[in-house]
Amino acid sequence: MEKYWIRKTVPFYESVKSCKITLTEYLSGIMINIRKTRKECTGPVWGGCAKNVMKVIKNKTIYTGNGVIEDGFVRYEKTIAEVGSMQNFVSREEDEIVDVEGMYLIPGFIDVHSHGGYGLDSMDASADEIDWMVRQMAAKEGITSYFCTTMTQTSENIESAMKNIKEAAEKNPIIQGIHLEGPFISVNYKGAQDASYIQKPDAAVLKHWNELSGNRIKIVTYAPEEADTEFEDWCLSNGIVPSAGHSNATYDQLCCCRACHVTHLYNAQRGLNHREPGVTGYGLLTEGVKAEMICDGIHIKPKMVYMAYKVKGSNGIELVTDSMRAKGMPEGKSELGGQTVYVKDGTARLEDGTIAGSVLTYIDAFRNIMKFTGASLQEAVQMSSGNQAEEFGLTQKGAIAVGKDADFVILKESSENEYQLMKTISMGEPVEA
């Protein structure tokens, strides 16, 4: 194939935004111009088949996940080739450069607990619908790694979901795994799950579902008081994180189990009491146990979020949305796990008043953790990507470093702790809704 070098001058974003052009339009315009200027080839759109052409984003503050680079740059294709200070930047004429002066570049968000959004749910959506839904979440919320989350339903419905998620994940790299939330839970803390389909934790059943998913189950929410050691041992020996949730377990019972994660801390679990720490106390006090939190100000009061942050620190918390299909949709009647849900004033509830998932976006969870706790931007980055990547073995995710996947979020600060999502980049490509 003939070598073809793209030589193009790209204007600074700051110099063109006065024309009210959005960053999305700006980046898309670069891609269109590349298509026009390159020769026909079968290579990827951005950079084409030109030899050594890479993309560069420069003149921004980079929160790498391991530190902060003021006035930095990152050069990348699907993976990151170089990251550093502008003092060490060497311009190459063949590269495509985007100047985002005054903005922030952080690792893409990782949501390990979300049922759906934008009118769809992983339990009953087709593979194509799941693919579309996840791309909406990427473009609109900054999510670059996503665990499709299931619910307590019939075995047939769970099997169907495993197959559809597997098919969607084969074409969408943002889908990094599955969170099996139920049916291995306690009827006492079922939350918005259907009690008629609850099962006792069973390693053979879990193994079957995992095989159907192409071994994509990364975490299973279960009631430890209902499980035996065989179930927990099978999870750990097969790379699945056992997470205590929807559980009535006592603190002493939990100290004898192998749960290393707590599903939506404070919610649908035996709570904190001065005579019985319960599941919440286990999640707060046990070193090495990661705790999910739904930071919408509804599932957990801000002061309780602050307490968890003070006790566990930013290295022990993982932000999740636990969102359901009504996210991104008009308020009113919806559905979750075969049950009718009503969304009003930003809260999703069953007819009996039980909270039924959330309509929280990830970018809002990211903003809220800083508002509720005073956490720094760097700590928020850790709670939204770094901790998840480390716990679930997503070695290519969660940090901006050489060799990692080029998964970024570009933010603009409009006021203190008010960060506007400007662009999501997944595997080196801008994600469009």
Protein backbone atom coordinates (compact mmCIF):
# COMPACT_ATOMS: atom_id res chain seq x y z
CA MET A 1 0.00 0.00 0.00
CA GLU A 2 1.38 3.42 -0.97
CA LYS A 3 2.48 5.61 1.92
CA TYR A 4 0.50 8.82 2.25
CA TRP A 5 1.39 11.53 4.75
CA ILE A 6 -1.33 13.82 6.02
CA ARG A 7 -0.05 17.38 6.40
CA LYS A 8 -2.69 19.62 7.88
CA THR A 9 -2.90 22.62 10.15
CA VAL A 10 -5.64 22.42 12.74
CA PRO A 11 -6.69 25.70 14.42
CA PHE A 12 -6.69 26.06 18.20
CA TYR A 13 -10.08 25.21 19.65
CA GLU A 14 -10.03 28.45 21.68
CA SER A 15 -9.71 30.44 18.44
CA VAL A 16 -12.75 28.89 16.81
CA LYS A 17 -15.13 28.50 19.74
CA SER A 18 -16.08 32.18 19.39
CA CYS A 19 -18.04 31.01 16.36
CA LYS A 20 -20.12 28.93 18.81
CA ILE A 21 -18.67 25.70 17.51
CA THR A 22 -18.81 22.83 20.01
CA LEU A 23 -15.85 20.61 20.78
CA THR A 24 -17.78 17.70 19.27
CA GLU A 25 -18.26 19.64 16.03
CA TYR A 26 -14.62 20.68 16.13
CA LEU A 27 -13.28 17.14 16.48
CA SER A 28 -15.78 15.83 13.94
CA GLY A 29 -14.67 18.53 11.50
CA ILE A 30 -11.09 17.32 11.75
CA MET A 31 -12.23 13.81 10.86
CA ILE A 32 -14.19 15.07 7.86
CA ASN A 33 -11.21 17.05 6.58
CA ILE A 34 -8.94 14.04 6.98
CA ARG A 35 -11.34 12.00 4.87
CA LYS A 36 -11.19 14.68 2.18
CA THR A 37 -7.41 15.06 2.18
CA ARG A 38 -6.22 11.49 2.41
CA LYS A 39 -6.11 8.95 -0.43
CA GLU A 40 -8.58 6.09 -0.44
CA CYS A 41 -7.57 3.31 1.92
CA THR A 42 -9.05 0.72 4.25
CA GLY A 43 -7.47 2.02 7.44
CA PRO A 44 -9.24 3.70 10.37
CA VAL A 45 -10.88 7.07 9.76
CA TRP A 46 -8.72 9.21 12.02
CA GLY A 47 -5.19 9.01 10.71
CA GLY A 48 -6.14 6.81 7.79
CA CYS A 49 -3.41 4.65 6.33
CA ALA A 50 -0.79 7.37 6.65
CA LYS A 51 2.33 6.02 8.25
CA ASN A 52 2.92 6.99 11.91
CA VAL A 53 0.03 9.48 11.98
CA MET A 54 -1.19 9.90 15.55
CA LYS A 55 -3.59 12.19 17.36
CA VAL A 56 -2.37 14.70 19.90
CA ILE A 57 -4.39 16.58 22.50
CA LYS A 58 -2.35 19.33 24.10
CA ASN A 59 -2.33 22.35 26.40
CA LYS A 60 -4.50 20.94 29.15
CA THR A 61 -4.20 19.73 32.72
CA ILE A 62 -3.94 15.95 32.70
CA TYR A 63 -5.11 13.91 35.67
CA THR A 64 -3.38 10.66 34.85
CA GLY A 65 -4.78 8.66 37.74
CA ASN A 66 -1.32 8.60 39.29
CA GLY A 67 -0.64 12.32 39.38
CA VAL A 68 -1.25 15.64 37.70
CA ILE A 69 0.53 17.14 34.69
CA GLU A 70 -0.05 20.86 34.31
CA ASP A 71 0.05 22.06 30.71
CA GLY A 72 0.49 18.59 29.29
CA PHE A 73 -0.08 16.59 26.13
CA VAL A 74 -0.98 13.06 25.13
CA ARG A 75 -0.16 11.40 21.81
CA TYR A 76 -2.21 8.33 20.94
CA GLU A 77 -3.87 6.01 18.47
CA LYS A 78 -6.00 3.25 20.02
CA THR A 79 -3.50 3.15 22.84
CA ILE A 80 -1.39 5.88 24.41
CA ALA A 81 2.03 6.36 22.86
CA GLU A 82 3.29 9.34 24.85
CA VAL A 83 2.16 11.56 27.71
CA GLY A 84 4.03 14.40 29.32
CA SER A 85 4.61 18.10 29.82
CA MET A 86 4.41 20.56 26.94
CA GLN A 87 8.00 21.47 27.78
CA ASN A 88 8.95 18.10 26.32
CA PHE A 89 6.50 18.15 23.42
CA VAL A 90 8.02 17.64 19.98
CA SER A 91 5.63 18.60 17.19
CA ARG A 92 5.42 16.28 14.18
CA GLU A 93 3.93 17.66 11.00
CA GLU A 94 2.15 14.41 10.23
CA ASP A 95 0.23 14.35 13.53
CA GLU A 96 -3.30 15.68 13.98
CA ILE A 97 -3.23 18.14 16.87
CA VAL A 98 -6.17 19.40 18.92
CA ASP A 99 -5.49 22.27 21.31
CA VAL A 100 -7.83 22.29 24.33
CA GLU A 101 -6.18 25.00 26.38
CA GLY A 102 -7.72 25.50 29.79
CA MET A 103 -9.51 22.15 29.86
CA TYR A 104 -8.91 18.94 31.78
CA LEU A 105 -8.15 15.45 30.51
CA ILE A 106 -8.98 12.55 32.83
CA PRO A 107 -9.33 8.77 32.43
CA GLY A 108 -12.71 7.64 31.11
CA PHE A 109 -15.26 6.66 33.74
CA ILE A 110 -15.85 3.01 34.68
CA ASP A 111 -19.39 2.13 35.79
CA VAL A 112 -19.52 -1.38 37.25
CA HIS A 113 -23.20 -1.22 38.25
CA SER A 114 -25.81 0.04 35.81
CA HIS A 115 -28.92 -1.71 34.52
CA GLY A 116 -29.63 0.64 31.66
CA GLY A 117 -30.82 4.01 30.49
CA TYR A 118 -32.21 5.94 27.53
CA GLY A 119 -35.25 3.66 27.38
CA LEU A 120 -33.37 0.35 27.48
CA ASP A 121 -32.33 -2.30 30.02
CA SER A 122 -29.63 -4.97 29.69
CA MET A 123 -32.09 -7.61 30.91
CA ASP A 124 -34.42 -7.40 27.91
CA ALA A 125 -32.64 -5.36 25.23
CA SER A 126 -31.30 -6.95 22.05
CA ALA A 127 -27.57 -6.95 21.34
CA ASP A 128 -27.93 -4.01 18.95
CA GLU A 129 -29.97 -2.09 21.51
CA ILE A 130 -27.39 -2.71 24.24
CA ASP A 131 -24.65 -1.51 21.90
CA TRP A 132 -26.61 1.69 21.17
CA MET A 133 -27.46 2.27 24.84
CA VAL A 134 -23.85 1.96 25.96
CA ARG A 135 -22.71 4.41 23.28
CA GLN A 136 -25.25 6.92 24.59
CA MET A 137 -23.77 6.54 28.04
CA ALA A 138 -20.28 7.04 26.69
CA ALA A 139 -21.10 10.14 24.67
CA LYS A 140 -23.41 11.78 27.23
CA GLU A 141 -21.85 10.68 30.52
CA GLY A 142 -18.15 9.96 29.94
CA ILE A 143 -18.33 6.19 30.52
CA THR A 144 -15.62 4.31 28.61
CA SER A 145 -15.89 0.98 30.47
CA TYR A 146 -19.25 -0.50 31.43
CA PHE A 147 -20.58 -3.55 33.24
CA CYS A 148 -24.06 -4.52 32.01
CA THR A 149 -26.02 -5.31 35.15
CA THR A 150 -28.77 -7.91 35.45
CA MET A 151 -31.57 -8.45 37.96
CA THR A 152 -33.42 -11.17 39.84
CA GLN A 153 -35.61 -12.71 37.16
CA THR A 154 -36.35 -16.12 35.69
CA SER A 155 -33.39 -18.29 34.72
CA GLU A 156 -34.59 -18.11 31.10
CA ASN A 157 -34.51 -14.30 31.13
CA ILE A 158 -31.07 -14.24 32.71
CA GLU A 159 -29.78 -16.72 30.12
CA SER A 160 -31.18 -14.57 27.31
CA ALA A 161 -29.50 -11.49 28.79
CA MET A 162 -26.14 -13.31 29.00
CA LYS A 163 -26.32 -14.16 25.29
CA ASN A 164 -27.35 -10.67 24.20
CA ILE A 165 -24.70 -8.96 26.32
CA LYS A 166 -22.06 -11.34 24.95
CA GLU A 167 -23.05 -10.45 21.38
CA ALA A 168 -23.05 -6.71 22.14
CA ALA A 169 -19.65 -6.90 23.86
CA GLU A 170 -18.10 -8.59 20.84
CA LYS A 171 -18.63 -5.41 18.81
CA ASN A 172 -18.48 -2.73 21.51
CA PRO A 173 -15.22 -2.52 23.51
CA ILE A 174 -16.83 -0.22 26.07
CA ILE A 175 -18.69 -3.26 27.46
CA GLN A 176 -16.06 -4.74 29.75
CA GLY A 177 -18.12 -7.17 31.78
CA ILE A 178 -21.32 -8.17 33.53
CA HIS A 179 -22.53 -7.48 37.06
CA LEU A 180 -24.90 -10.24 38.12
CA GLU A 181 -27.08 -8.53 40.74
CA GLY A 182 -29.28 -11.36 41.93
CA PRO A 183 -30.91 -13.79 42.02
CA PHE A 184 -28.65 -14.99 44.88
CA ILE A 185 -29.96 -12.44 47.40
CA SER A 186 -31.93 -12.21 50.64
CA VAL A 187 -35.69 -11.82 50.57
CA ASN A 188 -35.34 -9.54 53.61
CA TYR A 189 -33.41 -6.95 51.60
CA LYS A 190 -34.64 -7.58 48.09
CA GLY A 191 -35.07 -3.87 47.37
CA ALA A 192 -36.71 -3.44 43.96
CA GLN A 193 -36.06 -7.06 42.94
CA ASP A 194 -38.82 -9.63 42.49
CA ALA A 195 -38.81 -12.01 45.48
CA SER A 196 -40.48 -14.82 43.52
CA TYR A 197 -37.30 -15.42 41.50
CA ILE A 198 -34.75 -15.36 44.33
CA GLN A 199 -32.46 -18.42 44.40
CA LYS A 200 -29.95 -19.80 46.86
CA PRO A 201 -26.35 -19.13 45.72
CA ASP A 202 -25.35 -22.01 43.44
CA ALA A 203 -21.91 -22.34 41.86
CA ALA A 204 -23.17 -24.68 39.12
CA VAL A 205 -25.85 -22.20 38.03
CA LEU A 206 -23.38 -19.33 38.08
CA LYS A 207 -20.92 -21.39 36.03
CA HIS A 208 -23.60 -22.06 33.40
CA TRP A 209 -24.53 -18.39 33.09
CA ASN A 210 -20.90 -17.37 32.92
CA GLU A 211 -20.30 -19.80 30.05
CA LEU A 212 -23.28 -18.35 28.16
CA SER A 213 -21.80 -14.87 28.57
CA GLY A 214 -18.42 -15.90 27.20
CA ASN A 215 -16.95 -15.70 30.73
CA ARG A 216 -17.84 -12.03 31.05
CA ILE A 217 -19.30 -12.05 34.56
CA LYS A 218 -16.93 -9.91 36.64
CA ILE A 219 -18.94 -9.44 39.83
CA VAL A 220 -21.87 -11.18 41.50
CA THR A 221 -24.01 -9.58 44.21
CA TYR A 222 -25.06 -12.20 46.74
CA ALA A 223 -26.26 -12.66 50.32
CA PRO A 224 -23.24 -14.21 52.11
CA GLU A 225 -25.45 -15.61 54.89
CA GLU A 226 -27.16 -17.78 52.25
CA ALA A 227 -23.97 -18.99 50.54
CA ASP A 228 -21.52 -21.79 51.21
CA THR A 229 -17.76 -21.67 50.76
CA GLU A 230 -18.00 -23.60 47.48
CA PHE A 231 -19.87 -20.69 45.88
CA GLU A 232 -17.37 -18.09 47.06
CA ASP A 233 -14.37 -20.25 46.19
CA TRP A 234 -15.70 -20.81 42.67
CA CYS A 235 -16.16 -17.07 42.18
CA LEU A 236 -12.65 -16.21 43.31
CA SER A 237 -11.00 -19.02 41.34
CA ASN A 238 -12.77 -17.82 38.17
CA GLY A 239 -12.00 -14.12 38.43
CA ILE A 240 -15.44 -13.10 39.72
CA VAL A 241 -15.66 -10.63 42.61
CA PRO A 242 -18.13 -11.79 45.30
CA SER A 243 -20.00 -8.70 46.50
CA ALA A 244 -22.15 -8.55 49.62
CA GLY A 245 -25.44 -6.90 48.79
CA HIS A 246 -29.19 -7.26 49.23
CA SER A 247 -28.07 -9.08 52.36
CA ASN A 248 -29.25 -9.57 55.94
CA ALA A 249 -25.85 -10.80 57.12
CA THR A 250 -24.47 -9.79 60.49
CA TYR A 251 -21.01 -8.31 60.85
CA ASP A 252 -19.71 -11.56 62.38
CA GLN A 253 -21.12 -13.61 59.51
CA LEU A 254 -19.46 -11.31 57.00
CA CYS A 255 -16.11 -11.55 58.75
CA CYS A 256 -16.25 -15.31 58.09
CA CYS A 257 -17.13 -14.94 54.39
CA ARG A 258 -14.98 -13.99 51.40
CA ALA A 259 -16.87 -10.95 50.11
CA CYS A 260 -14.37 -8.32 48.98
CA HIS A 261 -16.87 -5.75 47.70
CA VAL A 262 -20.14 -4.23 48.93
CA THR A 263 -22.94 -3.45 46.48
CA HIS A 264 -24.42 0.07 46.80
CA LEU A 265 -23.24 0.81 50.35
CA TYR A 266 -26.06 1.73 52.78
CA ASN A 267 -28.80 0.56 50.40
CA ALA A 268 -30.71 -2.77 50.51
CA GLN A 269 -28.59 -4.28 53.28
CA ARG A 270 -28.48 -4.73 57.05
CA GLY A 271 -27.49 -1.24 58.07
CA LEU A 272 -25.20 0.35 60.61
CA ASN A 273 -26.36 0.06 64.21
CA HIS A 274 -24.59 0.74 67.50
CA ARG A 275 -25.02 -2.92 68.49
CA GLU A 276 -24.76 -4.51 65.04
CA PRO A 277 -22.49 -3.01 62.34
CA GLY A 278 -24.16 -5.15 59.66
CA VAL A 279 -23.26 -5.11 55.99
CA THR A 280 -22.74 -1.36 55.99
CA GLY A 281 -20.31 -1.57 58.90
CA TYR A 282 -18.43 -4.37 57.15
CA GLY A 283 -18.12 -2.27 54.02
CA LEU A 284 -16.94 0.77 55.94
CA LEU A 285 -14.49 -0.89 58.31
CA THR A 286 -12.95 -3.82 56.44
CA GLU A 287 -9.63 -3.00 54.84
CA GLY A 288 -9.39 -4.07 51.21
CA VAL A 289 -13.15 -4.18 50.70
CA LYS A 290 -14.35 -1.78 48.01
CA ALA A 291 -17.71 -0.06 48.51
CA GLU A 292 -20.00 1.15 45.74
CA MET A 293 -21.88 4.40 46.32
CA ILE A 294 -24.80 5.92 44.42
CA CYS A 295 -24.11 9.63 44.80
CA ASP A 296 -27.39 11.14 43.66
CA GLY A 297 -28.29 12.66 47.04
CA ILE A 298 -31.38 10.42 47.12
CA HIS A 299 -30.07 6.92 47.79
CA ILE A 300 -27.65 8.31 50.37
CA LYS A 301 -27.84 11.62 52.20
CA PRO A 302 -24.76 13.76 51.44
CA LYS A 303 -23.57 13.64 55.07
CA MET A 304 -23.57 9.84 54.97
CA VAL A 305 -21.56 9.97 51.75
CA TYR A 306 -19.14 12.25 53.58
CA MET A 307 -18.90 9.79 56.49
CA ALA A 308 -18.02 6.92 54.14
CA TYR A 309 -15.40 9.08 52.43
CA LYS A 310 -13.83 10.00 55.78
CA VAL A 311 -13.76 6.37 56.95
CA LYS A 312 -12.68 4.58 53.75
CA GLY A 313 -10.86 7.30 51.88
CA SER A 314 -10.89 7.71 48.14
CA ASN A 315 -9.09 4.39 47.60
CA GLY A 316 -11.99 2.40 49.07
CA ILE A 317 -14.95 3.87 47.18
CA GLU A 318 -16.26 3.19 43.68
CA LEU A 319 -18.86 5.50 42.18
CA VAL A 320 -21.73 3.73 40.42
CA THR A 321 -25.02 4.92 38.95
CA ASP A 322 -27.21 1.81 39.44
CA SER A 323 -29.24 3.48 36.70
CA MET A 324 -32.32 1.98 35.09
CA ARG A 325 -34.04 2.45 31.73
CA ALA A 326 -35.72 5.74 32.72
CA LYS A 327 -32.39 7.58 32.82
CA GLY A 328 -32.32 10.19 30.08
CA MET A 329 -36.06 9.83 29.49
CA PRO A 330 -39.05 12.03 30.42
CA GLU A 331 -40.38 11.48 33.94
CA GLY A 332 -43.42 9.27 34.38
CA LYS A 333 -44.16 5.56 34.18
CA SER A 334 -41.34 3.11 33.49
CA GLU A 335 -40.38 -0.50 34.23
CA LEU A 336 -37.65 -2.39 36.07
CA GLY A 337 -37.36 -6.17 36.23
CA GLY A 338 -40.98 -6.64 35.24
CA GLN A 339 -42.19 -4.21 37.89
CA THR A 340 -43.86 -0.84 37.30
CA VAL A 341 -41.73 2.15 38.27
CA TYR A 342 -42.73 5.79 38.57
CA VAL A 343 -40.13 8.53 38.11
CA LYS A 344 -40.84 11.86 39.76
CA ASP A 345 -38.49 14.65 40.82
CA GLY A 346 -35.45 12.65 39.76
CA THR A 347 -36.37 9.58 41.84
CA ALA A 348 -37.48 6.17 40.55
CA ARG A 349 -39.82 4.24 42.87
CA LEU A 350 -42.03 1.17 42.84
CA GLU A 351 -45.71 1.62 43.63
CA ASP A 352 -45.02 0.84 47.31
CA GLY A 353 -42.44 3.65 47.48
CA THR A 354 -39.32 1.46 47.30
CA ILE A 355 -36.47 3.18 45.46
CA ALA A 356 -35.99 1.34 42.16
CA GLY A 357 -32.56 2.10 40.79
CA SER A 358 -31.61 5.62 39.77
CA VAL A 359 -31.75 8.03 36.87
CA LEU A 360 -28.29 9.30 37.79
CA THR A 361 -25.74 10.03 35.06
CA TYR A 362 -22.10 9.26 35.74
CA ILE A 363 -20.91 12.80 35.16
CA ASP A 364 -23.36 13.93 37.86
CA ALA A 365 -22.09 11.25 40.26
CA PHE A 366 -18.57 12.52 39.58
CA ARG A 367 -19.59 16.11 40.35
CA ASN A 368 -21.58 15.12 43.42
CA ILE A 369 -18.81 13.21 45.19
CA MET A 370 -16.76 16.41 45.19
CA LYS A 371 -19.72 18.53 46.34
CA PHE A 372 -20.75 16.14 49.10
CA THR A 373 -17.29 15.42 50.52
CA GLY A 374 -14.86 18.12 49.45
CA ALA A 375 -12.83 15.47 47.62
CA SER A 376 -10.30 16.77 45.13
CA LEU A 377 -10.58 16.23 41.40
CA GLN A 378 -7.73 13.75 41.64
CA GLU A 379 -9.60 11.77 44.31
CA ALA A 380 -12.77 11.83 42.22
CA VAL A 381 -10.76 10.38 39.32
CA GLN A 382 -9.62 7.55 41.58
CA MET A 383 -13.19 6.80 42.68
CA SER A 384 -14.52 6.89 39.11
CA SER A 385 -11.89 4.86 37.29
CA GLY A 386 -8.70 3.92 39.11
CA ASN A 387 -10.23 1.80 41.86
CA GLN A 388 -12.46 -0.08 39.43
CA ALA A 389 -9.62 -0.83 37.02
CA GLU A 390 -7.46 -2.16 39.83
CA GLU A 391 -10.13 -4.31 41.48
CA PHE A 392 -11.45 -5.91 38.31
CA GLY A 393 -8.14 -6.40 36.55
CA LEU A 394 -8.86 -3.92 33.76
CA THR A 395 -5.16 -3.46 33.18
CA GLN A 396 -5.59 -1.32 30.05
CA LYS A 397 -8.02 1.06 31.74
CA GLY A 398 -8.20 3.55 34.58
CA ALA A 399 -5.13 5.68 33.92
CA ILE A 400 -3.53 7.90 31.30
CA ALA A 401 -0.19 6.20 30.79
CA VAL A 402 1.89 4.83 27.94
CA GLY A 403 0.50 1.53 26.70
CA LYS A 404 -2.96 2.00 28.23
CA ASP A 405 -6.08 2.26 26.07
CA ALA A 406 -6.79 5.79 24.86
CA ASP A 407 -9.95 6.21 26.96
CA PHE A 408 -10.37 9.85 27.96
CA VAL A 409 -12.88 12.38 29.14
CA ILE A 410 -12.36 16.06 28.32
CA LEU A 411 -13.82 18.39 30.96
CA LYS A 412 -14.26 22.13 31.18
CA GLU A 413 -14.63 23.80 34.57
CA SER A 414 -17.51 26.29 34.61
CA SER A 415 -17.28 26.91 38.37
CA GLU A 416 -15.74 25.20 41.36
CA ASN A 417 -16.56 21.47 41.20
CA GLU A 418 -18.86 22.11 38.24
CA TYR A 419 -17.25 20.25 35.37
CA GLN A 420 -18.90 20.17 31.97
CA LEU A 421 -18.38 17.06 29.84
CA MET A 422 -16.96 18.25 26.53
CA LYS A 423 -15.98 14.99 24.85
CA THR A 424 -15.56 11.27 25.43
CA ILE A 425 -12.84 9.37 23.60
CA SER A 426 -12.89 5.55 23.60
CA MET A 427 -10.01 3.53 22.16
CA GLY A 428 -8.72 6.69 20.50
CA GLU A 429 -11.97 7.68 18.79
CA PRO A 430 -14.53 10.35 19.74
CA VAL A 431 -17.83 8.75 20.77
CA GLU A 432 -20.96 10.17 19.19
CA ALA A 433 -24.47 9.74 20.60
